[in-house]
């Protein structure tokens, strides 16, 4: 199986209290099992989120079954994912260039160590 790496960016509301609450939701012991299952079921092998100030950076390793379109369709059909997404919108902001309803945008790789 060949894994592929994808990177995304999202912003948070620039409020220290909200950022700390967002971090608590993402702590390992607070992970919603239904969300973890939906991530794995979509073909995401590994996922990490990093933060700097109010900017989030997500790295995903995906298998050959993963496509962003398939993930969106799976998420739209999953009530627990919809509940999670609604909850997260109170913390997240669409980054510059996002269309209506977008919050995680794919990043373009511009360098790789030769």
N, C-alpha and C. Protein backbone atom coordinates (compact mmCIF):
# COMPACT_ATOMS: atom_id res chain seq x y z
N UNK A 1 0.85 -1.18 0.00
CA UNK A 1 0.00 0.00 0.00
C UNK A 1 0.90 1.24 0.00
N UNK A 2 0.64 2.15 -0.92
CA UNK A 2 1.39 3.40 -1.00
C UNK A 2 0.61 4.50 -0.31
N UNK A 3 1.19 5.06 0.73
CA UNK A 3 0.55 6.17 1.43
C UNK A 3 0.92 7.47 0.75
N UNK A 4 0.00 8.40 0.81
CA UNK A 4 0.20 9.73 0.25
C UNK A 4 0.02 10.74 1.38
N UNK A 5 0.84 11.79 1.39
CA UNK A 5 0.74 12.81 2.43
C UNK A 5 -0.01 14.02 1.87
N UNK A 6 -0.99 14.50 2.65
CA UNK A 6 -1.74 15.70 2.32
C UNK A 6 -1.64 16.66 3.49
N UNK A 7 -1.55 17.95 3.20
CA UNK A 7 -1.44 18.97 4.25
C UNK A 7 -2.53 20.02 4.05
N UNK A 8 -3.13 20.42 5.15
CA UNK A 8 -4.23 21.38 5.13
C UNK A 8 -3.98 22.46 6.19
N UNK A 9 -4.60 23.63 5.98
CA UNK A 9 -4.49 24.73 6.92
C UNK A 9 -5.89 25.22 7.28
N UNK A 10 -6.03 25.67 8.51
CA UNK A 10 -7.28 26.25 9.01
C UNK A 10 -6.90 27.25 10.10
N UNK A 11 -7.71 28.26 10.28
CA UNK A 11 -7.47 29.23 11.34
C UNK A 11 -8.48 29.06 12.46
N UNK A 12 -8.10 29.52 13.63
CA UNK A 12 -9.00 29.55 14.78
C UNK A 12 -9.35 30.99 15.12
N UNK A 13 -10.48 31.17 15.77
CA UNK A 13 -10.81 32.48 16.32
C UNK A 13 -9.67 32.87 17.24
N UNK A 14 -9.17 34.08 17.10
CA UNK A 14 -8.00 34.53 17.86
C UNK A 14 -8.40 34.95 19.27
N UNK A 15 -8.74 33.95 20.07
CA UNK A 15 -9.17 34.15 21.45
C UNK A 15 -8.49 33.06 22.28
N UNK A 16 -7.58 33.42 23.18
CA UNK A 16 -6.84 32.41 23.95
C UNK A 16 -7.71 31.39 24.67
N UNK A 17 -8.86 31.81 25.22
CA UNK A 17 -9.74 30.87 25.92
C UNK A 17 -10.35 29.86 24.94
N UNK A 18 -10.79 30.34 23.78
CA UNK A 18 -11.35 29.43 22.79
C UNK A 18 -10.29 28.48 22.25
N UNK A 19 -9.08 28.98 22.05
CA UNK A 19 -8.00 28.13 21.55
C UNK A 19 -7.68 27.03 22.55
N UNK A 20 -7.65 27.35 23.83
CA UNK A 20 -7.40 26.32 24.85
C UNK A 20 -8.54 25.30 24.89
N UNK A 21 -9.77 25.76 24.73
CA UNK A 21 -10.90 24.83 24.69
C UNK A 21 -10.80 23.92 23.46
N UNK A 22 -10.42 24.48 22.32
CA UNK A 22 -10.24 23.69 21.10
C UNK A 22 -9.17 22.62 21.32
N UNK A 23 -8.08 23.00 21.97
CA UNK A 23 -7.02 22.03 22.27
C UNK A 23 -7.55 20.91 23.17
N UNK A 24 -8.39 21.24 24.14
CA UNK A 24 -8.95 20.22 25.03
C UNK A 24 -9.81 19.23 24.25
N UNK A 25 -10.61 19.73 23.31
CA UNK A 25 -11.42 18.84 22.49
C UNK A 25 -10.56 17.86 21.70
N UNK A 26 -9.35 18.28 21.35
CA UNK A 26 -8.47 17.46 20.53
C UNK A 26 -7.46 16.65 21.33
N UNK A 27 -7.50 16.76 22.65
CA UNK A 27 -6.63 15.93 23.49
C UNK A 27 -7.03 14.47 23.31
N UNK A 28 -6.03 13.59 23.34
CA UNK A 28 -6.26 12.16 23.08
C UNK A 28 -7.40 11.58 23.93
N UNK A 29 -7.44 11.93 25.19
CA UNK A 29 -8.45 11.37 26.09
C UNK A 29 -9.85 11.92 25.81
N UNK A 30 -9.96 12.98 25.02
CA UNK A 30 -11.26 13.57 24.71
C UNK A 30 -11.75 13.25 23.29
N UNK A 31 -10.98 12.48 22.55
CA UNK A 31 -11.35 12.17 21.17
C UNK A 31 -12.68 11.43 21.13
N UNK A 32 -13.56 11.86 20.25
CA UNK A 32 -14.83 11.16 20.07
C UNK A 32 -14.56 9.91 19.25
N UNK A 33 -14.89 8.73 19.76
CA UNK A 33 -14.60 7.50 19.02
C UNK A 33 -15.27 7.45 17.64
N UNK A 34 -16.44 8.04 17.53
CA UNK A 34 -17.14 8.06 16.23
C UNK A 34 -16.37 8.89 15.20
N UNK A 35 -15.72 9.95 15.66
CA UNK A 35 -14.95 10.80 14.75
C UNK A 35 -13.68 10.07 14.33
N UNK A 36 -13.00 9.45 15.29
CA UNK A 36 -11.81 8.67 14.97
C UNK A 36 -12.15 7.56 13.97
N UNK A 37 -13.27 6.89 14.17
CA UNK A 37 -13.69 5.82 13.25
C UNK A 37 -13.96 6.39 11.86
N UNK A 38 -14.64 7.52 11.79
CA UNK A 38 -14.97 8.10 10.48
C UNK A 38 -13.70 8.51 9.73
N UNK A 39 -12.70 8.98 10.47
CA UNK A 39 -11.42 9.35 9.85
C UNK A 39 -10.76 8.12 9.27
N UNK A 40 -10.65 7.07 10.06
CA UNK A 40 -10.02 5.83 9.59
C UNK A 40 -10.80 5.19 8.44
N UNK A 41 -12.13 5.19 8.54
CA UNK A 41 -12.96 4.58 7.50
C UNK A 41 -12.83 5.28 6.15
N UNK A 42 -12.41 6.54 6.15
CA UNK A 42 -12.30 7.30 4.90
C UNK A 42 -10.99 7.04 4.15
N UNK A 43 -10.09 6.26 4.78
CA UNK A 43 -8.81 5.98 4.13
C UNK A 43 -7.66 6.79 4.69
N UNK A 44 -7.90 7.48 5.79
CA UNK A 44 -6.83 8.24 6.45
C UNK A 44 -6.11 7.28 7.40
N UNK A 45 -4.83 7.08 7.15
CA UNK A 45 -4.01 6.15 7.93
C UNK A 45 -3.49 6.83 9.19
N UNK A 46 -3.09 8.08 9.06
CA UNK A 46 -2.54 8.84 10.18
C UNK A 46 -2.92 10.30 9.98
N UNK A 47 -3.11 11.00 11.09
CA UNK A 47 -3.50 12.40 11.04
C UNK A 47 -2.90 13.11 12.24
N UNK A 48 -2.25 14.24 12.00
CA UNK A 48 -1.69 15.06 13.06
C UNK A 48 -2.11 16.51 12.81
N UNK A 49 -2.38 17.24 13.90
CA UNK A 49 -2.69 18.66 13.81
C UNK A 49 -1.71 19.41 14.69
N UNK A 50 -1.13 20.46 14.13
CA UNK A 50 -0.20 21.33 14.84
C UNK A 50 -0.80 22.73 14.90
N UNK A 51 -0.35 23.50 15.89
CA UNK A 51 -0.88 24.85 16.06
C UNK A 51 0.26 25.84 16.28
N UNK A 52 0.10 27.03 15.71
CA UNK A 52 0.97 28.18 15.96
C UNK A 52 0.05 29.38 16.09
N UNK A 53 0.00 29.95 17.28
CA UNK A 53 -0.93 31.05 17.56
C UNK A 53 -2.35 30.56 17.24
N UNK A 54 -3.01 31.14 16.24
CA UNK A 54 -4.36 30.68 15.89
C UNK A 54 -4.40 29.99 14.52
N UNK A 55 -3.24 29.54 14.03
CA UNK A 55 -3.15 28.84 12.74
C UNK A 55 -2.96 27.35 12.98
N UNK A 56 -3.80 26.53 12.35
CA UNK A 56 -3.70 25.08 12.44
C UNK A 56 -3.10 24.52 11.16
N UNK A 57 -2.31 23.47 11.32
CA UNK A 57 -1.69 22.78 10.20
C UNK A 57 -1.95 21.30 10.39
N UNK A 58 -2.60 20.66 9.42
CA UNK A 58 -2.95 19.25 9.51
C UNK A 58 -2.16 18.46 8.47
N UNK A 59 -1.55 17.36 8.92
CA UNK A 59 -0.84 16.44 8.04
C UNK A 59 -1.60 15.12 8.07
N UNK A 60 -1.95 14.63 6.88
CA UNK A 60 -2.65 13.35 6.78
C UNK A 60 -1.85 12.41 5.89
N UNK A 61 -1.77 11.17 6.32
CA UNK A 61 -1.26 10.10 5.47
C UNK A 61 -2.50 9.30 5.07
N UNK A 62 -2.70 9.17 3.76
CA UNK A 62 -3.92 8.52 3.27
C UNK A 62 -3.56 7.33 2.37
N UNK A 63 -4.50 6.38 2.29
CA UNK A 63 -4.29 5.25 1.39
C UNK A 63 -4.95 5.55 0.05
N UNK A 64 -4.92 4.56 -0.83
CA UNK A 64 -5.42 4.75 -2.20
C UNK A 64 -6.93 4.91 -2.27
N UNK A 65 -7.66 4.59 -1.19
CA UNK A 65 -9.12 4.74 -1.20
C UNK A 65 -9.56 6.16 -0.87
N UNK A 66 -8.66 6.97 -0.34
CA UNK A 66 -9.03 8.32 0.11
C UNK A 66 -9.13 9.30 -1.04
N UNK A 67 -10.23 10.06 -1.04
CA UNK A 67 -10.33 11.27 -1.85
C UNK A 67 -11.08 12.29 -1.00
N UNK A 68 -10.77 13.57 -1.16
CA UNK A 68 -11.51 14.59 -0.40
C UNK A 68 -13.01 14.53 -0.67
N UNK A 69 -13.39 14.24 -1.92
CA UNK A 69 -14.81 14.17 -2.27
C UNK A 69 -15.50 13.02 -1.55
N UNK A 70 -14.85 11.86 -1.50
CA UNK A 70 -15.42 10.70 -0.79
C UNK A 70 -15.56 11.01 0.70
N UNK A 71 -14.55 11.65 1.28
CA UNK A 71 -14.60 12.02 2.70
C UNK A 71 -15.76 12.98 2.96
N UNK A 72 -15.95 13.96 2.08
CA UNK A 72 -17.06 14.91 2.25
C UNK A 72 -18.41 14.19 2.21
N UNK A 73 -18.55 13.25 1.28
CA UNK A 73 -19.81 12.50 1.18
C UNK A 73 -20.04 11.65 2.43
N UNK A 74 -19.00 11.00 2.92
CA UNK A 74 -19.12 10.19 4.13
C UNK A 74 -19.49 11.06 5.33
N UNK A 75 -18.84 12.21 5.43
CA UNK A 75 -19.11 13.13 6.55
C UNK A 75 -20.54 13.65 6.50
N UNK A 76 -21.02 14.00 5.31
CA UNK A 76 -22.38 14.53 5.16
C UNK A 76 -23.44 13.50 5.58
N UNK A 77 -23.11 12.21 5.44
CA UNK A 77 -24.06 11.15 5.78
C UNK A 77 -23.93 10.67 7.23
N UNK A 78 -23.01 11.25 7.98
CA UNK A 78 -22.75 10.79 9.34
C UNK A 78 -23.21 11.86 10.35
N UNK A 79 -24.31 11.61 11.08
CA UNK A 79 -24.83 12.61 12.02
C UNK A 79 -23.83 13.01 13.10
N UNK A 80 -23.01 12.08 13.57
CA UNK A 80 -22.05 12.41 14.63
C UNK A 80 -20.96 13.34 14.08
N UNK A 81 -20.53 13.12 12.85
CA UNK A 81 -19.54 14.02 12.22
C UNK A 81 -20.17 15.40 12.04
N UNK A 82 -21.42 15.45 11.64
CA UNK A 82 -22.10 16.74 11.48
C UNK A 82 -22.21 17.47 12.82
N UNK A 83 -22.46 16.74 13.89
CA UNK A 83 -22.50 17.33 15.23
C UNK A 83 -21.13 17.91 15.59
N UNK A 84 -20.07 17.14 15.32
CA UNK A 84 -18.70 17.57 15.59
C UNK A 84 -18.36 18.83 14.79
N UNK A 85 -18.69 18.81 13.51
CA UNK A 85 -18.37 19.96 12.64
C UNK A 85 -19.09 21.22 13.10
N UNK A 86 -20.34 21.07 13.49
CA UNK A 86 -21.09 22.23 14.00
C UNK A 86 -20.43 22.78 15.26
N UNK A 87 -20.00 21.89 16.14
CA UNK A 87 -19.31 22.29 17.36
C UNK A 87 -17.99 23.02 17.04
N UNK A 88 -17.24 22.49 16.08
CA UNK A 88 -15.93 23.06 15.75
C UNK A 88 -16.02 24.42 15.08
N UNK A 89 -17.14 24.71 14.40
CA UNK A 89 -17.27 26.01 13.74
C UNK A 89 -17.23 27.17 14.73
N UNK A 90 -17.53 26.94 16.00
CA UNK A 90 -17.45 28.04 16.97
C UNK A 90 -16.00 28.44 17.25
N UNK A 91 -15.07 27.56 16.91
CA UNK A 91 -13.64 27.81 17.13
C UNK A 91 -12.91 28.17 15.84
N UNK A 92 -13.32 27.57 14.74
CA UNK A 92 -12.57 27.66 13.49
C UNK A 92 -13.04 28.81 12.61
N UNK A 93 -12.08 29.35 11.88
CA UNK A 93 -12.34 30.39 10.89
C UNK A 93 -11.83 29.91 9.54
N UNK A 94 -12.51 30.30 8.50
CA UNK A 94 -12.02 29.99 7.16
C UNK A 94 -10.76 30.81 6.89
N UNK A 95 -9.71 30.17 6.39
CA UNK A 95 -8.50 30.92 6.06
C UNK A 95 -8.70 31.78 4.81
N UNK A 96 -7.80 32.70 4.55
CA UNK A 96 -7.91 33.53 3.35
C UNK A 96 -8.05 32.67 2.09
N UNK A 97 -8.97 33.07 1.23
CA UNK A 97 -9.18 32.35 -0.02
C UNK A 97 -10.21 31.24 0.05
N UNK A 98 -10.77 30.99 1.22
CA UNK A 98 -11.75 29.92 1.37
C UNK A 98 -13.09 30.33 0.76
N UNK A 99 -13.79 29.34 0.21
CA UNK A 99 -15.14 29.56 -0.30
C UNK A 99 -16.12 29.39 0.86
N UNK A 100 -17.35 29.78 0.64
CA UNK A 100 -18.40 29.64 1.65
C UNK A 100 -18.46 28.19 2.14
N UNK A 101 -18.41 28.01 3.46
CA UNK A 101 -18.49 26.69 4.06
C UNK A 101 -17.17 25.94 4.17
N UNK A 102 -16.11 26.46 3.57
CA UNK A 102 -14.79 25.81 3.66
C UNK A 102 -14.05 26.33 4.88
N UNK A 103 -13.32 25.43 5.53
CA UNK A 103 -12.46 25.88 6.63
C UNK A 103 -11.09 25.24 6.57
N UNK A 104 -10.97 24.01 6.15
CA UNK A 104 -9.67 23.37 5.96
C UNK A 104 -9.33 23.44 4.48
N UNK A 105 -8.24 24.13 4.15
CA UNK A 105 -7.84 24.26 2.75
C UNK A 105 -6.55 23.48 2.50
N UNK A 106 -6.47 22.81 1.34
CA UNK A 106 -5.24 22.07 1.02
C UNK A 106 -4.09 23.03 0.77
N UNK A 107 -2.91 22.60 1.19
CA UNK A 107 -1.71 23.40 0.98
C UNK A 107 -0.95 22.84 -0.21
N UNK A 108 -0.23 23.71 -0.89
CA UNK A 108 0.58 23.32 -2.03
C UNK A 108 2.02 23.10 -1.58
N UNK A 109 2.56 21.95 -1.90
CA UNK A 109 3.96 21.68 -1.56
C UNK A 109 4.83 22.47 -2.53
N UNK A 110 5.77 23.22 -1.98
CA UNK A 110 6.67 24.00 -2.84
C UNK A 110 8.12 23.58 -2.70
N UNK A 111 8.42 22.69 -1.75
CA UNK A 111 9.79 22.21 -1.58
C UNK A 111 9.79 20.85 -0.95
N UNK A 112 10.71 20.02 -1.38
CA UNK A 112 10.96 18.71 -0.76
C UNK A 112 12.46 18.49 -0.81
N UNK A 113 13.04 18.08 0.29
CA UNK A 113 14.46 17.82 0.36
C UNK A 113 14.85 16.79 -0.70
N UNK A 114 15.77 17.15 -1.58
CA UNK A 114 16.17 16.20 -2.63
C UNK A 114 16.94 15.02 -2.08
